[in-house]
Amino acid sequence: MTLAQTVIMIGIGSLLIQPVSGKNIWVTFGVGGVLVGTLLLIEYLQVKFDFMEKFLTGRAVTIIEHGQLKEENIKKLRFTVDQLEMKLRQSGVSNISDVKTATLEPNGQVGIELKDEKKPATIQDIDHIMKELVLLRNAMSSDQALHPVSPSEQSTIFTEVEKKIHKTPPADRLQ
């Protein structure tokens, strides 16, 4: 929930009490409509104009980069390392050095990007590995791949002469 939405919710909550205390209900509906209209206008302006979004909502701030804390940003935000570690633990990150980039979002959440070697495997990664295994299995199904022959055991035309046996007999038309 954005700051504007929170303010409007509190304002509408206060307005709901007015009819109970004996005030005119139509005034309550009018003020509620103005509050909701203001919220819609603020959100529209944030979507249309980037500077309005930056002014009203704020921007994310980088607090970890390449596994290292950005202390100047953490101090500027008045965010403690203990708070950061708590948010990382809640996201399943066990070590700050596993994080490629972390940002503190305007809503107070921490956005985390793990380093490539620490990211969990996706279905796409597993499919890629399975395709490679199938290719490897197909390559190994040939006799040569299944039984690698050491250079001394390889059949050359010289060993065929010595043993007087062809490893692969030549075609009849060549005999």
Protein backbone atom coordinates (compact mmCIF):
# COMPACT_ATOMS: atom_id res chain seq x y z
CA MET A 1 0.00 0.00 0.00
CA THR A 2 1.35 3.39 -0.97
CA LEU A 3 1.58 6.38 1.35
CA ALA A 4 -1.33 8.10 -0.40
CA GLN A 5 -3.51 4.99 -0.06
CA THR A 6 -2.69 4.76 3.64
CA VAL A 7 -3.60 8.41 4.25
CA ILE A 8 -6.88 8.00 2.36
CA MET A 9 -7.74 4.84 4.33
CA ILE A 10 -7.19 6.66 7.63
CA GLY A 11 -9.23 9.64 6.39
CA ILE A 12 -12.13 7.45 5.28
CA GLY A 13 -12.00 5.61 8.60
CA SER A 14 -12.37 8.92 10.42
CA LEU A 15 -15.23 9.90 8.10
CA LEU A 16 -17.15 6.72 8.85
CA ILE A 17 -17.39 7.82 12.47
CA GLN A 18 -19.06 11.17 11.56
CA PRO A 19 -22.59 9.79 10.84
CA VAL A 20 -22.48 7.91 14.15
CA SER A 21 -21.88 11.17 16.03
CA GLY A 22 -24.96 12.76 14.43
CA LYS A 23 -23.44 14.76 11.55
CA ASN A 24 -25.02 14.88 8.11
CA ILE A 25 -24.34 11.68 6.13
CA TRP A 26 -24.25 13.49 2.76
CA VAL A 27 -21.33 15.63 3.88
CA THR A 28 -19.52 12.42 4.82
CA PHE A 29 -20.15 10.93 1.36
CA GLY A 30 -19.00 14.17 -0.28
CA VAL A 31 -15.76 14.35 1.66
CA GLY A 32 -15.17 10.61 1.06
CA GLY A 33 -15.65 11.16 -2.68
CA VAL A 34 -13.17 14.04 -2.62
CA LEU A 35 -10.61 11.86 -0.82
CA VAL A 36 -11.04 8.99 -3.30
CA GLY A 37 -10.88 11.44 -6.23
CA THR A 38 -7.68 12.92 -4.81
CA LEU A 39 -6.18 9.44 -4.52
CA LEU A 40 -7.07 8.64 -8.14
CA LEU A 41 -5.59 11.95 -9.30
CA ILE A 42 -2.35 11.37 -7.36
CA GLU A 43 -1.98 7.84 -8.77
CA TYR A 44 -2.71 9.07 -12.31
CA LEU A 45 -0.06 11.79 -11.98
CA GLN A 46 2.45 9.23 -10.71
CA VAL A 47 1.82 7.03 -13.75
CA LYS A 48 2.02 9.90 -16.25
CA PHE A 49 4.91 11.91 -14.83
CA ASP A 50 8.10 10.29 -13.58
CA PHE A 51 9.09 13.28 -11.43
CA MET A 52 5.73 13.05 -9.60
CA GLU A 53 6.36 9.39 -8.80
CA LYS A 54 9.82 10.24 -7.52
CA PHE A 55 8.47 13.15 -5.44
CA LEU A 56 5.42 11.36 -3.98
CA THR A 57 6.59 7.75 -3.66
CA GLY A 58 10.37 7.83 -3.85
CA ARG A 59 12.86 5.52 -5.52
CA ALA A 60 14.53 2.28 -4.53
CA VAL A 61 18.02 2.67 -3.04
CA THR A 62 20.80 0.11 -3.48
CA ILE A 63 22.02 -1.22 -0.12
CA ILE A 64 24.09 -4.23 -1.26
CA GLU A 65 26.16 -4.36 -4.43
CA HIS A 66 28.31 -7.35 -5.46
CA GLY A 67 27.95 -8.88 -1.99
CA GLN A 68 29.22 -5.74 -0.22
CA LEU A 69 27.16 -3.41 1.99
CA LYS A 70 26.82 0.16 0.74
CA GLU A 71 27.29 1.76 4.13
CA GLU A 72 26.69 5.35 3.01
CA ASN A 73 23.23 4.43 1.66
CA ILE A 74 22.36 2.37 4.75
CA LYS A 75 23.29 5.30 7.03
CA LYS A 76 21.37 7.76 4.86
CA LEU A 77 18.24 5.58 5.09
CA ARG A 78 18.68 5.04 8.86
CA PHE A 79 18.43 1.31 8.17
CA THR A 80 20.39 -0.99 10.48
CA VAL A 81 22.37 -4.04 9.43
CA ASP A 82 20.26 -6.09 11.85
CA GLN A 83 17.10 -5.01 10.02
CA LEU A 84 18.73 -5.89 6.71
CA GLU A 85 19.82 -9.31 7.96
CA MET A 86 16.28 -9.97 9.22
CA LYS A 87 14.84 -9.15 5.77
CA LEU A 88 17.47 -11.35 4.09
CA ARG A 89 16.70 -14.29 6.39
CA GLN A 90 12.99 -13.89 5.67
CA SER A 91 13.85 -14.16 1.97
CA GLY A 92 15.91 -17.32 2.51
CA VAL A 93 19.33 -15.71 2.07
CA SER A 94 21.88 -17.04 4.53
CA ASN A 95 24.88 -14.86 3.69
CA ILE A 96 25.24 -11.26 2.53
CA SER A 97 28.02 -12.30 0.15
CA ASP A 98 25.46 -14.46 -1.74
CA VAL A 99 23.60 -11.30 -2.81
CA LYS A 100 24.50 -9.65 -6.10
CA THR A 101 22.24 -6.62 -5.52
CA ALA A 102 19.75 -5.64 -2.84
CA THR A 103 17.56 -2.56 -2.83
CA LEU A 104 15.37 -0.97 -0.19
CA GLU A 105 12.08 -0.21 -1.94
CA PRO A 106 9.90 2.81 -1.11
CA ASN A 107 7.36 0.53 0.60
CA GLY A 108 10.02 -0.79 3.03
CA GLN A 109 10.53 -4.17 1.35
CA VAL A 110 14.00 -5.38 0.36
CA GLY A 111 14.44 -6.46 -3.25
CA ILE A 112 17.10 -9.15 -3.64
CA GLU A 113 19.00 -10.48 -6.66
CA LEU A 114 21.22 -13.46 -5.87
CA LYS A 115 24.55 -14.11 -7.54
CA ASP A 116 24.29 -16.53 -10.47
CA GLU A 117 25.97 -19.40 -8.63
CA LYS A 118 23.58 -19.01 -5.67
CA LYS A 119 20.32 -18.89 -7.64
CA PRO A 120 18.10 -21.95 -7.38
CA ALA A 121 17.74 -24.08 -10.50
CA THR A 122 14.72 -23.27 -12.64
CA ILE A 123 12.72 -25.67 -14.78
CA GLN A 124 14.47 -24.14 -17.80
CA ASP A 125 17.88 -24.95 -16.28
CA ILE A 126 16.84 -28.53 -15.54
CA ASP A 127 15.41 -28.98 -19.06
CA HIS A 128 18.70 -27.73 -20.51
CA ILE A 129 20.67 -30.22 -18.40
CA MET A 130 18.31 -33.05 -19.37
CA LYS A 131 18.79 -32.27 -23.08
CA GLU A 132 22.55 -32.30 -22.59
CA LEU A 133 22.32 -35.67 -20.81
CA VAL A 134 20.28 -37.12 -23.68
CA LEU A 135 22.88 -35.88 -26.17
CA LEU A 136 25.65 -37.35 -24.04
CA ARG A 137 23.83 -40.67 -23.75
CA ASN A 138 23.34 -40.77 -27.53
CA ALA A 139 27.01 -40.01 -28.09
CA MET A 140 28.02 -42.73 -25.63
CA SER A 141 25.75 -45.31 -27.24
CA SER A 142 28.18 -45.70 -30.13
CA ASP A 143 30.76 -48.43 -29.59
CA GLN A 144 33.65 -46.06 -29.74
CA ALA A 145 32.22 -43.80 -27.07
CA LEU A 146 31.20 -46.69 -24.81
CA HIS A 147 34.58 -48.39 -24.89
CA PRO A 148 37.26 -45.79 -25.28
CA VAL A 149 40.29 -47.36 -26.83
CA SER A 150 43.73 -46.41 -25.68
CA PRO A 151 46.11 -45.34 -28.43
CA SER A 152 48.09 -48.58 -28.10
CA GLU A 153 44.94 -50.67 -28.67
CA GLN A 154 43.69 -48.68 -31.64
CA SER A 155 43.47 -50.64 -34.83
CA THR A 156 45.67 -49.16 -37.50
CA ILE A 157 46.55 -50.60 -40.84
CA PHE A 158 49.84 -51.67 -39.32
CA THR A 159 48.24 -53.66 -36.47
CA GLU A 160 45.92 -55.29 -39.01
CA VAL A 161 48.97 -56.45 -40.93
CA GLU A 162 50.60 -57.77 -37.75
CA LYS A 163 47.48 -59.60 -36.55
CA LYS A 164 46.33 -60.50 -40.06
CA ILE A 165 42.77 -59.54 -39.13
CA HIS A 166 40.74 -56.55 -40.20
CA LYS A 167 38.89 -54.83 -37.44
CA THR A 168 36.27 -53.76 -39.95
CA PRO A 169 36.35 -55.91 -43.05
CA PRO A 170 36.57 -53.98 -46.31
CA ALA A 171 33.67 -54.14 -48.76
CA ASP A 172 33.63 -57.18 -51.05
CA ARG A 173 34.13 -55.09 -54.16
CA LEU A 174 37.43 -53.84 -52.66
CA GLN A 175 38.85 -57.31 -51.87
